[in-house]
């Protein structure tokens, strides 16, 4: 469950920070360096999220929106399952 939460967090961070990375990629020279310095923390978080996602998906292309929906649905299903059987587990 914690792995899914970590993956969901990485997907959300990737989706949020990708435009900053894309803007950096469009710049050259001094503008690029200045932008990189101004957005150091966001870019650091983007690269960390990308590494996490690459490890989960073996460097395949991934669509953040569809994966986020898929993981939220899975998390909801797991939570519903656990709520269903939690009272029985407490009685045992």
C-alpha atoms as a PDB file:
ATOM      1  CA  UNK A   1       0.000   0.000   0.000  1.00  0.00           C
ATOM      2  CA  UNK A   2       2.837   2.385   0.856  1.00  0.00           C
ATOM      3  CA  UNK A   3       4.460   1.549  -2.484  1.00  0.00           C
ATOM      4  CA  UNK A   4       1.293   2.607  -4.291  1.00  0.00           C
ATOM      5  CA  UNK A   5       1.136   5.829  -2.313  1.00  0.00           C
ATOM      6  CA  UNK A   6       4.768   6.548  -3.202  1.00  0.00           C
ATOM      7  CA  UNK A   7       4.078   5.842  -6.861  1.00  0.00           C
ATOM      8  CA  UNK A   8       0.998   8.054  -6.831  1.00  0.00           C
ATOM      9  CA  UNK A   9       3.006  10.844  -5.202  1.00  0.00           C
ATOM     10  CA  UNK A  10       5.715  10.498  -7.874  1.00  0.00           C
ATOM     11  CA  UNK A  11       3.137  10.620 -10.670  1.00  0.00           C
ATOM     12  CA  UNK A  12       1.507  13.740  -9.263  1.00  0.00           C
ATOM     13  CA  UNK A  13       4.888  15.459  -8.807  1.00  0.00           C
ATOM     14  CA  UNK A  14       5.941  14.503 -12.333  1.00  0.00           C
ATOM     15  CA  UNK A  15       2.730  15.863 -13.833  1.00  0.00           C
ATOM     16  CA  UNK A  16       2.989  19.098 -11.839  1.00  0.00           C
ATOM     17  CA  UNK A  17       6.678  19.741 -12.529  1.00  0.00           C
ATOM     18  CA  UNK A  18       7.006  18.571 -16.143  1.00  0.00           C
ATOM     19  CA  UNK A  19       6.094  22.012 -17.578  1.00  0.00           C
ATOM     20  CA  UNK A  20       9.019  23.532 -15.657  1.00  0.00           C
ATOM     21  CA  UNK A  21      11.353  20.916 -17.128  1.00  0.00           C
ATOM     22  CA  UNK A  22       9.925  21.454 -20.614  1.00  0.00           C
ATOM     23  CA  UNK A  23      10.504  25.195 -20.313  1.00  0.00           C
ATOM     24  CA  UNK A  24      14.105  24.553 -19.280  1.00  0.00           C
ATOM     25  CA  UNK A  25      14.605  22.336 -22.326  1.00  0.00           C
ATOM     26  CA  UNK A  26      13.433  25.137 -24.603  1.00  0.00           C
ATOM     27  CA  UNK A  27      16.041  27.596 -23.305  1.00  0.00           C
ATOM     28  CA  UNK A  28      19.707  28.002 -24.208  1.00  0.00           C
ATOM     29  CA  UNK A  29      22.780  29.690 -22.828  1.00  0.00           C
ATOM     30  CA  UNK A  30      22.452  32.216 -20.036  1.00  0.00           C
ATOM     31  CA  UNK A  31      18.660  32.087 -20.003  1.00  0.00           C
ATOM     32  CA  UNK A  32      18.818  28.338 -19.432  1.00  0.00           C
ATOM     33  CA  UNK A  33      21.335  28.681 -16.588  1.00  0.00           C
ATOM     34  CA  UNK A  34      19.320  31.461 -14.946  1.00  0.00           C
ATOM     35  CA  UNK A  35      16.078  29.485 -15.245  1.00  0.00           C
ATOM     36  CA  UNK A  36      17.803  26.394 -13.883  1.00  0.00           C
ATOM     37  CA  UNK A  37      19.092  28.340 -10.880  1.00  0.00           C
ATOM     38  CA  UNK A  38      15.678  29.909 -10.233  1.00  0.00           C
ATOM     39  CA  UNK A  39      13.879  26.556 -10.384  1.00  0.00           C
ATOM     40  CA  UNK A  40      16.516  24.341  -8.814  1.00  0.00           C
ATOM     41  CA  UNK A  41      14.239  22.793  -6.180  1.00  0.00           C
ATOM     42  CA  UNK A  42      11.398  22.078  -8.610  1.00  0.00           C
ATOM     43  CA  UNK A  43      13.776  20.535 -11.142  1.00  0.00           C
ATOM     44  CA  UNK A  44      15.368  18.422  -8.426  1.00  0.00           C
ATOM     45  CA  UNK A  45      11.926  17.127  -7.424  1.00  0.00           C
ATOM     46  CA  UNK A  46      11.033  16.515 -11.088  1.00  0.00           C
ATOM     47  CA  UNK A  47      14.146  14.407 -11.686  1.00  0.00           C
ATOM     48  CA  UNK A  48      13.536  12.447  -8.475  1.00  0.00           C
ATOM     49  CA  UNK A  49       9.943  11.725  -9.527  1.00  0.00           C
ATOM     50  CA  UNK A  50      11.118  10.737 -13.017  1.00  0.00           C
ATOM     51  CA  UNK A  51      13.693   8.311 -11.582  1.00  0.00           C
ATOM     52  CA  UNK A  52      11.007   6.775  -9.373  1.00  0.00           C
ATOM     53  CA  UNK A  53       8.638   6.354 -12.317  1.00  0.00           C
ATOM     54  CA  UNK A  54      11.389   4.985 -14.551  1.00  0.00           C
ATOM     55  CA  UNK A  55      12.149   2.331 -11.928  1.00  0.00           C
ATOM     56  CA  UNK A  56       8.481   1.354 -11.739  1.00  0.00           C
ATOM     57  CA  UNK A  57       7.883   1.280 -15.480  1.00  0.00           C
ATOM     58  CA  UNK A  58      11.303   0.137 -16.758  1.00  0.00           C
ATOM     59  CA  UNK A  59      11.941   3.406 -18.598  1.00  0.00           C
ATOM     60  CA  UNK A  60       8.784   2.967 -20.682  1.00  0.00           C
ATOM     61  CA  UNK A  61       6.670   5.930 -21.713  1.00  0.00           C
ATOM     62  CA  UNK A  62       3.986   6.569 -19.135  1.00  0.00           C
ATOM     63  CA  UNK A  63       0.983   8.833 -19.188  1.00  0.00           C
ATOM     64  CA  UNK A  64       0.705  10.509 -15.767  1.00  0.00           C
ATOM     65  CA  UNK A  65      -3.034  11.167 -15.949  1.00  0.00           C
ATOM     66  CA  UNK A  66      -3.964   7.597 -16.812  1.00  0.00           C
ATOM     67  CA  UNK A  67      -1.578   6.121 -14.242  1.00  0.00           C
ATOM     68  CA  UNK A  68      -2.866   8.491 -11.541  1.00  0.00           C
ATOM     69  CA  UNK A  69      -6.459   7.447 -12.309  1.00  0.00           C
ATOM     70  CA  UNK A  70      -5.468   3.786 -12.327  1.00  0.00           C
ATOM     71  CA  UNK A  71      -3.643   4.048  -9.004  1.00  0.00           C
ATOM     72  CA  UNK A  72      -6.413   6.031  -7.334  1.00  0.00           C
ATOM     73  CA  UNK A  73      -8.922   3.416  -8.470  1.00  0.00           C
ATOM     74  CA  UNK A  74      -6.672   0.642  -7.135  1.00  0.00           C
ATOM     75  CA  UNK A  75      -6.203   2.488  -3.845  1.00  0.00           C
ATOM     76  CA  UNK A  76      -9.962   2.951  -3.534  1.00  0.00           C
ATOM     77  CA  UNK A  77     -10.558  -0.749  -4.232  1.00  0.00           C
ATOM     78  CA  UNK A  78      -7.964  -1.761  -1.654  1.00  0.00           C
ATOM     79  CA  UNK A  79      -9.418   0.613   0.947  1.00  0.00           C
ATOM     80  CA  UNK A  80     -12.925  -0.753   0.304  1.00  0.00           C
ATOM     81  CA  UNK A  81     -11.652  -4.311   0.612  1.00  0.00           C
ATOM     82  CA  UNK A  82      -9.860  -3.555   3.858  1.00  0.00           C
ATOM     83  CA  UNK A  83     -12.948  -1.823   5.308  1.00  0.00           C
ATOM     84  CA  UNK A  84     -15.034  -4.849   4.385  1.00  0.00           C
ATOM     85  CA  UNK A  85     -12.780  -7.310   6.196  1.00  0.00           C
ATOM     86  CA  UNK A  86     -11.433  -5.134   9.002  1.00  0.00           C
ATOM     87  CA  UNK A  87     -14.341  -5.881  11.407  1.00  0.00           C
ATOM     88  CA  UNK A  88     -13.813  -9.625  10.928  1.00  0.00           C
ATOM     89  CA  UNK A  89     -10.112  -9.340  11.601  1.00  0.00           C
ATOM     90  CA  UNK A  90     -10.793  -7.447  14.842  1.00  0.00           C
ATOM     91  CA  UNK A  91     -13.200 -10.157  16.014  1.00  0.00           C
ATOM     92  CA  UNK A  92     -10.692 -12.952  15.365  1.00  0.00           C
END
